[in-house]
Amino acid sequence: IWCVVEKGACARDRVKAEFDNAVAAARYVDAYVVGNEGLDD
């Protein structure tokens, strides 16, 4: 999941869609990784 919060290039609709899509895909997923090299940005 790339967009964690509504900030910078991550608009509100994308943040919501990424979360909803991740939840919807749970039956196919073994684990999730939220964000990527973002704490310093």
PDB file of all heavy atoms in Angstrom:
ATOM      1  N   ILE A   1       0.876  -1.173   0.000  1.00  0.00           N
ATOM      2  CA  ILE A   1       0.000   0.000   0.000  1.00  0.00           C
ATOM      3  C   ILE A   1       0.907   1.214   0.000  1.00  0.00           C
ATOM      4  O   ILE A   1       1.707   1.388   0.926  1.00  0.00           O
ATOM      5  CB  ILE A   1      -0.947   0.039   1.217  1.00  0.00           C
ATOM      6  CG1 ILE A   1      -1.936  -1.129   1.180  1.00  0.00           C
ATOM      7  CG2 ILE A   1      -1.702   1.352   1.260  1.00  0.00           C
ATOM      8  CD1 ILE A   1      -1.481  -2.334   1.957  1.00  0.00           C
ATOM      9  N   TRP A   2       0.828   2.049  -1.020  1.00  0.00           N
ATOM     10  CA  TRP A   2       1.735   3.185  -1.144  1.00  0.00           C
ATOM     11  C   TRP A   2       1.236   4.397  -0.369  1.00  0.00           C
ATOM     12  O   TRP A   2       1.989   5.027   0.373  1.00  0.00           O
ATOM     13  CB  TRP A   2       1.911   3.538  -2.619  1.00  0.00           C
ATOM     14  CG  TRP A   2       2.935   4.604  -2.836  1.00  0.00           C
ATOM     15  CD1 TRP A   2       2.727   5.944  -2.981  1.00  0.00           C
ATOM     16  CD2 TRP A   2       4.355   4.419  -2.922  1.00  0.00           C
ATOM     17  NE1 TRP A   2       3.921   6.607  -3.147  1.00  0.00           N
ATOM     18  CE2 TRP A   2       4.931   5.683  -3.113  1.00  0.00           C
ATOM     19  CE3 TRP A   2       5.181   3.298  -2.846  1.00  0.00           C
ATOM     20  CZ2 TRP A   2       6.307   5.868  -3.244  1.00  0.00           C
ATOM     21  CZ3 TRP A   2       6.549   3.485  -2.971  1.00  0.00           C
ATOM     22  CH2 TRP A   2       7.099   4.752  -3.165  1.00  0.00           C
ATOM     23  N   CYS A   3      -0.013   4.763  -0.556  1.00  0.00           N
ATOM     24  CA  CYS A   3      -0.556   5.977   0.057  1.00  0.00           C
ATOM     25  C   CYS A   3      -1.135   5.667   1.433  1.00  0.00           C
ATOM     26  O   CYS A   3      -2.128   4.953   1.551  1.00  0.00           O
ATOM     27  CB  CYS A   3      -1.620   6.606  -0.831  1.00  0.00           C
ATOM     28  SG  CYS A   3      -0.928   7.480  -2.248  1.00  0.00           S
ATOM     29  N   VAL A   4      -0.518   6.241   2.454  1.00  0.00           N
ATOM     30  CA  VAL A   4      -0.923   5.990   3.828  1.00  0.00           C
ATOM     31  C   VAL A   4      -1.889   7.053   4.321  1.00  0.00           C
ATOM     32  O   VAL A   4      -2.879   6.746   4.991  1.00  0.00           O
ATOM     33  CB  VAL A   4       0.325   5.923   4.735  1.00  0.00           C
ATOM     34  CG1 VAL A   4      -0.058   5.770   6.205  1.00  0.00           C
ATOM     35  CG2 VAL A   4       1.230   4.773   4.292  1.00  0.00           C
ATOM     36  N   VAL A   5      -1.593   8.304   4.033  1.00  0.00           N
ATOM     37  CA  VAL A   5      -2.455   9.418   4.445  1.00  0.00           C
ATOM     38  C   VAL A   5      -2.595  10.399   3.287  1.00  0.00           C
ATOM     39  O   VAL A   5      -1.821  10.375   2.325  1.00  0.00           O
ATOM     40  CB  VAL A   5      -1.883  10.161   5.678  1.00  0.00           C
ATOM     41  CG1 VAL A   5      -1.894   9.258   6.901  1.00  0.00           C
ATOM     42  CG2 VAL A   5      -0.478  10.686   5.411  1.00  0.00           C
ATOM     43  N   GLU A   6      -3.574  11.263   3.399  1.00  0.00           N
ATOM     44  CA  GLU A   6      -3.801  12.298   2.395  1.00  0.00           C
ATOM     45  C   GLU A   6      -2.727  13.374   2.552  1.00  0.00           C
ATOM     46  O   GLU A   6      -2.805  14.243   3.430  1.00  0.00           O
ATOM     47  CB  GLU A   6      -5.190  12.898   2.571  1.00  0.00           C
ATOM     48  CG  GLU A   6      -5.554  13.938   1.528  1.00  0.00           C
ATOM     49  CD  GLU A   6      -6.888  14.594   1.812  1.00  0.00           C
ATOM     50  OE1 GLU A   6      -7.623  14.098   2.685  1.00  0.00           O
ATOM     51  OE2 GLU A   6      -7.181  15.612   1.170  1.00  0.00           O
ATOM     52  N   LYS A   7      -1.706  13.285   1.717  1.00  0.00           N
ATOM     53  CA  LYS A   7      -0.581  14.190   1.845  1.00  0.00           C
ATOM     54  C   LYS A   7       0.237  14.119   0.560  1.00  0.00           C
ATOM     55  O   LYS A   7       0.359  13.056  -0.042  1.00  0.00           O
ATOM     56  CB  LYS A   7       0.283  13.788   3.047  1.00  0.00           C
ATOM     57  CG  LYS A   7       1.332  14.806   3.469  1.00  0.00           C
ATOM     58  CD  LYS A   7       2.142  14.286   4.644  1.00  0.00           C
ATOM     59  CE  LYS A   7       1.326  14.169   5.910  1.00  0.00           C
ATOM     60  NZ  LYS A   7       2.174  13.795   7.085  1.00  0.00           N
ATOM     61  N   GLY A   8       0.785  15.248   0.141  1.00  0.00           N
ATOM     62  CA  GLY A   8       1.611  15.250  -1.063  1.00  0.00           C
ATOM     63  C   GLY A   8       0.832  14.777  -2.272  1.00  0.00           C
ATOM     64  O   GLY A   8      -0.245  15.284  -2.587  1.00  0.00           O
ATOM     65  N   ALA A   9       1.382  13.770  -2.976  1.00  0.00           N
ATOM     66  CA  ALA A   9       0.750  13.249  -4.190  1.00  0.00           C
ATOM     67  C   ALA A   9      -0.404  12.299  -3.899  1.00  0.00           C
ATOM     68  O   ALA A   9      -1.080  11.844  -4.830  1.00  0.00           O
ATOM     69  CB  ALA A   9       1.789  12.541  -5.050  1.00  0.00           C
ATOM     70  N   CYS A  10      -0.645  11.988  -2.633  1.00  0.00           N
ATOM     71  CA  CYS A  10      -1.690  11.031  -2.270  1.00  0.00           C
ATOM     72  C   CYS A  10      -3.001  11.757  -1.949  1.00  0.00           C
ATOM     73  O   CYS A  10      -3.187  12.270  -0.838  1.00  0.00           O
ATOM     74  CB  CYS A  10      -1.250  10.189  -1.075  1.00  0.00           C
ATOM     75  SG  CYS A  10       0.106   9.060  -1.460  1.00  0.00           S
ATOM     76  N   ALA A  11      -3.888  11.791  -2.935  1.00  0.00           N
ATOM     77  CA  ALA A  11      -5.181  12.433  -2.748  1.00  0.00           C
ATOM     78  C   ALA A  11      -6.102  11.554  -1.903  1.00  0.00           C
ATOM     79  O   ALA A  11      -5.873  10.348  -1.752  1.00  0.00           O
ATOM     80  CB  ALA A  11      -5.828  12.709  -4.103  1.00  0.00           C
ATOM     81  N   ARG A  12      -7.156  12.158  -1.375  1.00  0.00           N
ATOM     82  CA  ARG A  12      -8.069  11.438  -0.485  1.00  0.00           C
ATOM     83  C   ARG A  12      -8.670  10.212  -1.153  1.00  0.00           C
ATOM     84  O   ARG A  12      -8.772   9.142  -0.534  1.00  0.00           O
ATOM     85  CB  ARG A  12      -9.186  12.375  -0.022  1.00  0.00           C
ATOM     86  CG  ARG A  12     -10.194  11.703   0.898  1.00  0.00           C
ATOM     87  CD  ARG A  12     -11.286  12.686   1.309  1.00  0.00           C
ATOM     88  NE  ARG A  12     -10.722  13.837   1.990  1.00  0.00           N
ATOM     89  CZ  ARG A  12     -11.452  14.864   2.426  1.00  0.00           C
ATOM     90  NH1 ARG A  12     -12.762  14.885   2.223  1.00  0.00           N
ATOM     91  NH2 ARG A  12     -10.875  15.884   3.045  1.00  0.00           N
ATOM     92  N   ASP A  13      -9.077  10.337  -2.422  1.00  0.00           N
ATOM     93  CA  ASP A  13      -9.716   9.200  -3.084  1.00  0.00           C
ATOM     94  C   ASP A  13      -8.746   8.045  -3.269  1.00  0.00           C
ATOM     95  O   ASP A  13      -9.122   6.876  -3.164  1.00  0.00           O
ATOM     96  CB  ASP A  13     -10.328   9.610  -4.433  1.00  0.00           C
ATOM     97  CG  ASP A  13      -9.307  10.138  -5.422  1.00  0.00           C
ATOM     98  OD1 ASP A  13      -8.221  10.581  -4.994  1.00  0.00           O
ATOM     99  OD2 ASP A  13      -9.595  10.110  -6.639  1.00  0.00           O
ATOM    100  N   ARG A  14      -7.470   8.354  -3.507  1.00  0.00           N
ATOM    101  CA  ARG A  14      -6.497   7.271  -3.664  1.00  0.00           C
ATOM    102  C   ARG A  14      -6.229   6.586  -2.328  1.00  0.00           C
ATOM    103  O   ARG A  14      -6.136   5.359  -2.268  1.00  0.00           O
ATOM    104  CB  ARG A  14      -5.186   7.796  -4.239  1.00  0.00           C
ATOM    105  CG  ARG A  14      -4.131   6.701  -4.245  1.00  0.00           C
ATOM    106  CD  ARG A  14      -2.921   7.004  -5.077  1.00  0.00           C
ATOM    107  NE  ARG A  14      -1.941   5.922  -4.945  1.00  0.00           N
ATOM    108  CZ  ARG A  14      -0.823   5.835  -5.637  1.00  0.00           C
ATOM    109  NH1 ARG A  14      -0.526   6.766  -6.516  1.00  0.00           N
ATOM    110  NH2 ARG A  14       0.005   4.823  -5.447  1.00  0.00           N
ATOM    111  N   VAL A  15      -6.109   7.352  -1.267  1.00  0.00           N
ATOM    112  CA  VAL A  15      -5.872   6.760   0.053  1.00  0.00           C
ATOM    113  C   VAL A  15      -7.000   5.793   0.397  1.00  0.00           C
ATOM    114  O   VAL A  15      -6.766   4.659   0.841  1.00  0.00           O
ATOM    115  CB  VAL A  15      -5.748   7.855   1.133  1.00  0.00           C
ATOM    116  CG1 VAL A  15      -5.656   7.232   2.528  1.00  0.00           C
ATOM    117  CG2 VAL A  15      -4.529   8.731   0.872  1.00  0.00           C
ATOM    118  N   LYS A  16      -8.236   6.234   0.177  1.00  0.00           N
ATOM    119  CA  LYS A  16      -9.392   5.382   0.480  1.00  0.00           C
ATOM    120  C   LYS A  16      -9.415   4.153  -0.427  1.00  0.00           C
ATOM    121  O   LYS A  16      -9.658   3.028   0.032  1.00  0.00           O
ATOM    122  CB  LYS A  16     -10.688   6.165   0.320  1.00  0.00           C
ATOM    123  CG  LYS A  16     -11.935   5.346   0.673  1.00  0.00           C
ATOM    124  CD  LYS A  16     -13.203   6.160   0.496  1.00  0.00           C
ATOM    125  CE  LYS A  16     -14.425   5.389   0.997  1.00  0.00           C
ATOM    126  NZ  LYS A  16     -14.586   4.064   0.373  1.00  0.00           N
ATOM    127  N   ALA A  17      -9.160   4.356  -1.720  1.00  0.00           N
ATOM    128  CA  ALA A  17      -9.212   3.242  -2.673  1.00  0.00           C
ATOM    129  C   ALA A  17      -8.140   2.197  -2.360  1.00  0.00           C
ATOM    130  O   ALA A  17      -8.400   0.990  -2.447  1.00  0.00           O
ATOM    131  CB  ALA A  17      -9.054   3.757  -4.099  1.00  0.00           C
ATOM    132  N   GLU A  18      -6.942   2.642  -1.997  1.00  0.00           N
ATOM    133  CA  GLU A  18      -5.884   1.680  -1.683  1.00  0.00           C
ATOM    134  C   GLU A  18      -6.266   0.841  -0.468  1.00  0.00           C
ATOM    135  O   GLU A  18      -6.070  -0.378  -0.456  1.00  0.00           O
ATOM    136  CB  GLU A  18      -4.565   2.406  -1.435  1.00  0.00           C
ATOM    137  CG  GLU A  18      -3.918   2.900  -2.716  1.00  0.00           C
ATOM    138  CD  GLU A  18      -2.416   2.783  -2.688  1.00  0.00           C
ATOM    139  OE1 GLU A  18      -1.899   1.653  -2.640  1.00  0.00           O
ATOM    140  OE2 GLU A  18      -1.753   3.838  -2.719  1.00  0.00           O
ATOM    141  N   PHE A  19      -6.799   1.483   0.564  1.00  0.00           N
ATOM    142  CA  PHE A  19      -7.199   0.721   1.750  1.00  0.00           C
ATOM    143  C   PHE A  19      -8.319  -0.259   1.402  1.00  0.00           C
ATOM    144  O   PHE A  19      -8.260  -1.442   1.758  1.00  0.00           O
ATOM    145  CB  PHE A  19      -7.664   1.667   2.856  1.00  0.00           C
ATOM    146  CG  PHE A  19      -7.973   0.965   4.148  1.00  0.00           C
ATOM    147  CD1 PHE A  19      -6.971   0.717   5.079  1.00  0.00           C
ATOM    148  CD2 PHE A  19      -9.267   0.546   4.436  1.00  0.00           C
ATOM    149  CE1 PHE A  19      -7.251   0.056   6.273  1.00  0.00           C
ATOM    150  CE2 PHE A  19      -9.553  -0.118   5.623  1.00  0.00           C
ATOM    151  CZ  PHE A  19      -8.537  -0.359   6.540  1.00  0.00           C
ATOM    152  N   ASP A  20      -9.339   0.222   0.686  1.00  0.00           N
ATOM    153  CA  ASP A  20     -10.465  -0.642   0.328  1.00  0.00           C
ATOM    154  C   ASP A  20     -10.014  -1.811  -0.544  1.00  0.00           C
ATOM    155  O   ASP A  20     -10.470  -2.949  -0.362  1.00  0.00           O
ATOM    156  CB  ASP A  20     -11.537   0.169  -0.400  1.00  0.00           C
ATOM    157  CG  ASP A  20     -12.238   1.176   0.507  1.00  0.00           C
ATOM    158  OD1 ASP A  20     -12.077   1.073   1.745  1.00  0.00           O
ATOM    159  OD2 ASP A  20     -12.923   2.073  -0.020  1.00  0.00           O
ATOM    160  N   ASN A  21      -9.138  -1.544  -1.509  1.00  0.00           N
ATOM    161  CA  ASN A  21      -8.649  -2.605  -2.385  1.00  0.00           C
ATOM    162  C   ASN A  21      -7.825  -3.633  -1.609  1.00  0.00           C
ATOM    163  O   ASN A  21      -7.898  -4.836  -1.878  1.00  0.00           O
ATOM    164  CB  ASN A  21      -7.796  -2.024  -3.509  1.00  0.00           C
ATOM    165  CG  ASN A  21      -8.612  -1.261  -4.533  1.00  0.00           C
ATOM    166  OD1 ASN A  21      -9.835  -1.374  -4.574  1.00  0.00           O
ATOM    167  ND2 ASN A  21      -7.944  -0.465  -5.351  1.00  0.00           N
ATOM    168  N   ALA A  22      -7.032  -3.144  -0.663  1.00  0.00           N
ATOM    169  CA  ALA A  22      -6.221  -4.058   0.141  1.00  0.00           C
ATOM    170  C   ALA A  22      -7.102  -4.976   0.972  1.00  0.00           C
ATOM    171  O   ALA A  22      -6.853  -6.184   1.067  1.00  0.00           O
ATOM    172  CB  ALA A  22      -5.287  -3.253   1.040  1.00  0.00           C
ATOM    173  N   VAL A  23      -8.138  -4.431   1.570  1.00  0.00           N
ATOM    174  CA  VAL A  23      -9.057  -5.248   2.375  1.00  0.00           C
ATOM    175  C   VAL A  23      -9.792  -6.248   1.480  1.00  0.00           C
ATOM    176  O   VAL A  23      -9.945  -7.423   1.836  1.00  0.00           O
ATOM    177  CB  VAL A  23     -10.048  -4.351   3.132  1.00  0.00           C
ATOM    178  CG1 VAL A  23     -11.114  -5.189   3.829  1.00  0.00           C
ATOM    179  CG2 VAL A  23      -9.307  -3.484   4.156  1.00  0.00           C
ATOM    180  N   ALA A  24     -10.223  -5.790   0.309  1.00  0.00           N
ATOM    181  CA  ALA A  24     -10.962  -6.667  -0.604  1.00  0.00           C
ATOM    182  C   ALA A  24     -10.115  -7.826  -1.100  1.00  0.00           C
ATOM    183  O   ALA A  24     -10.642  -8.892  -1.422  1.00  0.00           O
ATOM    184  CB  ALA A  24     -11.481  -5.854  -1.791  1.00  0.00           C
ATOM    185  N   ALA A  25      -8.791  -7.621  -1.151  1.00  0.00           N
ATOM    186  CA  ALA A  25      -7.897  -8.662  -1.668  1.00  0.00           C
ATOM    187  C   ALA A  25      -7.407  -9.621  -0.584  1.00  0.00           C
ATOM    188  O   ALA A  25      -6.603 -10.515  -0.876  1.00  0.00           O
ATOM    189  CB  ALA A  25      -6.682  -8.008  -2.338  1.00  0.00           C
ATOM    190  N   ALA A  26      -7.894  -9.475   0.632  1.00  0.00           N
ATOM    191  CA  ALA A  26      -7.338 -10.214   1.773  1.00  0.00           C
ATOM    192  C   ALA A  26      -7.314 -11.728   1.549  1.00  0.00           C
ATOM    193  O   ALA A  26      -6.386 -12.410   1.995  1.00  0.00           O
ATOM    194  CB  ALA A  26      -8.117  -9.882   3.044  1.00  0.00           C
ATOM    195  N   ARG A  27      -8.291 -12.261   0.846  1.00  0.00           N
ATOM    196  CA  ARG A  27      -8.341 -13.718   0.649  1.00  0.00           C
ATOM    197  C   ARG A  27      -7.180 -14.223  -0.193  1.00  0.00           C
ATOM    198  O   ARG A  27      -6.853 -15.416  -0.165  1.00  0.00           O
ATOM    199  CB  ARG A  27      -9.666 -14.115  -0.002  1.00  0.00           C
ATOM    200  CG  ARG A  27      -9.888 -13.517  -1.375  1.00  0.00           C
ATOM    201  CD  ARG A  27     -11.238 -13.878  -1.961  1.00  0.00           C
ATOM    202  NE  ARG A  27     -11.336 -15.306  -2.249  1.00  0.00           N
ATOM    203  CZ  ARG A  27     -12.307 -15.865  -2.950  1.00  0.00           C
ATOM    204  NH1 ARG A  27     -13.313 -15.105  -3.395  1.00  0.00           N
ATOM    205  NH2 ARG A  27     -12.316 -17.149  -3.185  1.00  0.00           N
ATOM    206  N   TYR A  28      -6.536 -13.332  -0.947  1.00  0.00           N
ATOM    207  CA  TYR A  28      -5.421 -13.728  -1.809  1.00  0.00           C
ATOM    208  C   TYR A  28      -4.053 -13.354  -1.219  1.00  0.00           C
ATOM    209  O   TYR A  28      -3.032 -13.662  -1.816  1.00  0.00           O
ATOM    210  CB  TYR A  28      -5.545 -13.044  -3.173  1.00  0.00           C
ATOM    211  CG  TYR A  28      -6.880 -13.253  -3.842  1.00  0.00           C
ATOM    212  CD1 TYR A  28      -7.803 -12.213  -3.934  1.00  0.00           C
ATOM    213  CD2 TYR A  28      -7.220 -14.490  -4.372  1.00  0.00           C
ATOM    214  CE1 TYR A  28      -9.036 -12.404  -4.543  1.00  0.00           C
ATOM    215  CE2 TYR A  28      -8.452 -14.693  -4.991  1.00  0.00           C
ATOM    216  CZ  TYR A  28      -9.357 -13.643  -5.069  1.00  0.00           C
ATOM    217  OH  TYR A  28     -10.574 -13.826  -5.671  1.00  0.00           O
ATOM    218  N   VAL A  29      -4.062 -12.672  -0.069  1.00  0.00           N
ATOM    219  CA  VAL A  29      -2.853 -12.045   0.461  1.00  0.00           C
ATOM    220  C   VAL A  29      -2.378 -12.761   1.726  1.00  0.00           C
ATOM    221  O   VAL A  29      -3.179 -13.101   2.597  1.00  0.00           O
ATOM    222  CB  VAL A  29      -3.126 -10.556   0.762  1.00  0.00           C
ATOM    223  CG1 VAL A  29      -1.952  -9.909   1.472  1.00  0.00           C
ATOM    224  CG2 VAL A  29      -3.448  -9.805  -0.532  1.00  0.00           C
ATOM    225  N   ASP A  30      -1.062 -12.962   1.830  1.00  0.00           N
ATOM    226  CA  ASP A  30      -0.486 -13.563   3.030  1.00  0.00           C
ATOM    227  C   ASP A  30      -0.084 -12.510   4.052  1.00  0.00           C
ATOM    228  O   ASP A  30      -0.104 -12.769   5.258  1.00  0.00           O
ATOM    229  CB  ASP A  30       0.743 -14.393   2.654  1.00  0.00           C
ATOM    230  CG  ASP A  30       0.377 -15.570   1.764  1.00  0.00           C
ATOM    231  OD1 ASP A  30      -0.286 -16.508   2.262  1.00  0.00           O
ATOM    232  OD2 ASP A  30       0.732 -15.542   0.575  1.00  0.00           O
ATOM    233  N   ALA A  31       0.310 -11.341   3.579  1.00  0.00           N
ATOM    234  CA  ALA A  31       0.723 -10.260   4.472  1.00  0.00           C
ATOM    235  C   ALA A  31       0.702  -8.956   3.684  1.00  0.00           C
ATOM    236  O   ALA A  31       0.611  -8.962   2.448  1.00  0.00           O
ATOM    237  CB  ALA A  31       2.119 -10.522   5.042  1.00  0.00           C
ATOM    238  N   TYR A  32       0.806  -7.850   4.412  1.00  0.00           N
ATOM    239  CA  TYR A  32       0.799  -6.527   3.791  1.00  0.00           C
ATOM    240  C   TYR A  32       2.045  -5.755   4.211  1.00  0.00           C
ATOM    241  O   TYR A  32       2.537  -5.908   5.332  1.00  0.00           O
ATOM    242  CB  TYR A  32      -0.425  -5.721   4.224  1.00  0.00           C
ATOM    243  CG  TYR A  32      -1.744  -6.285   3.788  1.00  0.00           C
ATOM    244  CD1 TYR A  32      -2.444  -7.168   4.605  1.00  0.00           C
ATOM    245  CD2 TYR A  32      -2.310  -5.927   2.561  1.00  0.00           C
ATOM    246  CE1 TYR A  32      -3.676  -7.680   4.210  1.00  0.00           C
ATOM    247  CE2 TYR A  32      -3.541  -6.441   2.167  1.00  0.00           C
ATOM    248  CZ  TYR A  32      -4.216  -7.313   2.989  1.00  0.00           C
ATOM    249  OH  TYR A  32      -5.432  -7.833   2.605  1.00  0.00           O
ATOM    250  N   VAL A  33       2.506  -4.890   3.306  1.00  0.00           N
ATOM    251  CA  VAL A  33       3.555  -3.927   3.655  1.00  0.00           C
ATOM    252  C   VAL A  33       3.018  -2.540   3.345  1.00  0.00           C
ATOM    253  O   VAL A  33       2.652  -2.231   2.214  1.00  0.00           O
ATOM    254  CB  VAL A  33       4.878  -4.218   2.919  1.00  0.00           C
ATOM    255  CG1 VAL A  33       4.689  -4.286   1.420  1.00  0.00           C
ATOM    256  CG2 VAL A  33       5.935  -3.188   3.296  1.00  0.00           C
ATOM    257  N   VAL A  34       2.920  -1.729   4.387  1.00  0.00           N
ATOM    258  CA  VAL A  34       2.330  -0.393   4.284  1.00  0.00           C
ATOM    259  C   VAL A  34       3.434   0.645   4.134  1.00  0.00           C
ATOM    260  O   VAL A  34       4.320   0.756   4.981  1.00  0.00           O
ATOM    261  CB  VAL A  34       1.485  -0.080   5.535  1.00  0.00           C
ATOM    262  CG1 VAL A  34       0.956   1.349   5.469  1.00  0.00           C
ATOM    263  CG2 VAL A  34       0.353  -1.069   5.670  1.00  0.00           C
ATOM    264  N   GLY A  35       3.392   1.399   3.046  1.00  0.00           N
ATOM    265  CA  GLY A  35       4.407   2.409   2.803  1.00  0.00           C
ATOM    266  C   GLY A  35       5.705   1.800   2.319  1.00  0.00           C
ATOM    267  O   GLY A  35       5.883   0.578   2.282  1.00  0.00           O
ATOM    268  N   ASN A  36       6.609   2.674   1.940  1.00  0.00           N
ATOM    269  CA  ASN A  36       7.907   2.230   1.424  1.00  0.00           C
ATOM    270  C   ASN A  36       8.864   3.408   1.497  1.00  0.00           C
ATOM    271  O   ASN A  36       8.700   4.395   0.784  1.00  0.00           O
ATOM    272  CB  ASN A  36       7.748   1.737  -0.015  1.00  0.00           C
ATOM    273  CG  ASN A  36       9.051   1.258  -0.615  1.00  0.00           C
ATOM    274  OD1 ASN A  36       9.849   2.059  -1.100  1.00  0.00           O
ATOM    275  ND2 ASN A  36       9.268  -0.049  -0.604  1.00  0.00           N
ATOM    276  N   GLU A  37       9.847   3.312   2.380  1.00  0.00           N
ATOM    277  CA  GLU A  37      10.869   4.352   2.521  1.00  0.00           C
ATOM    278  C   GLU A  37      10.242   5.739   2.676  1.00  0.00           C
ATOM    279  O   GLU A  37      10.709   6.708   2.065  1.00  0.00           O
ATOM    280  CB  GLU A  37      11.816   4.330   1.319  1.00  0.00           C
ATOM    281  CG  GLU A  37      12.555   3.013   1.133  1.00  0.00           C
ATOM    282  CD  GLU A  37      13.460   3.025  -0.076  1.00  0.00           C
ATOM    283  OE1 GLU A  37      14.570   3.576   0.027  1.00  0.00           O
ATOM    284  OE2 GLU A  37      13.047   2.497  -1.126  1.00  0.00           O
ATOM    285  N   GLY A  38       9.220   5.833   3.513  1.00  0.00           N
ATOM    286  CA  GLY A  38       8.500   7.095   3.618  1.00  0.00           C
ATOM    287  C   GLY A  38       8.714   7.881   4.895  1.00  0.00           C
ATOM    288  O   GLY A  38       8.331   9.062   4.961  1.00  0.00           O
ATOM    289  N   LEU A  39       9.300   7.280   5.904  1.00  0.00           N
ATOM    290  CA  LEU A  39       9.412   7.963   7.198  1.00  0.00           C
ATOM    291  C   LEU A  39      10.339   9.177   7.154  1.00  0.00           C
ATOM    292  O   LEU A  39      10.209  10.079   7.985  1.00  0.00           O
ATOM    293  CB  LEU A  39       9.868   6.984   8.277  1.00  0.00           C
ATOM    294  CG  LEU A  39       8.806   5.993   8.756  1.00  0.00           C
ATOM    295  CD1 LEU A  39       9.404   4.994   9.737  1.00  0.00           C
ATOM    296  CD2 LEU A  39       7.627   6.722   9.405  1.00  0.00           C
ATOM    297  N   ASP A  40      11.262   9.200   6.222  1.00  0.00           N
ATOM    298  CA  ASP A  40      12.175  10.340   6.116  1.00  0.00           C
ATOM    299  C   ASP A  40      11.648  11.426   5.183  1.00  0.00           C
ATOM    300  O   ASP A  40      12.325  12.431   4.967  1.00  0.00           O
ATOM    301  CB  ASP A  40      13.548   9.871   5.609  1.00  0.00           C
ATOM    302  CG  ASP A  40      14.277   9.018   6.637  1.00  0.00           C
ATOM    303  OD1 ASP A  40      14.044   9.220   7.837  1.00  0.00           O
ATOM    304  OD2 ASP A  40      15.070   8.149   6.225  1.00  0.00           O
ATOM    305  N   ASP A  41      10.471  11.223   4.652  1.00  0.00           N
ATOM    306  CA  ASP A  41       9.898  12.178   3.689  1.00  0.00           C
ATOM    307  C   ASP A  41       8.664  12.841   4.303  1.00  0.00           C
ATOM    308  O   ASP A  41       7.628  12.198   4.460  1.00  0.00           O
ATOM    309  CB  ASP A  41       9.510  11.445   2.402  1.00  0.00           C
ATOM    310  CG  ASP A  41       9.021  12.382   1.316  1.00  0.00           C
ATOM    311  OD1 ASP A  41       8.793  13.577   1.596  1.00  0.00           O
ATOM    312  OD2 ASP A  41       8.845  11.913   0.172  1.00  0.00           O
TER     313      ASP A  41
END
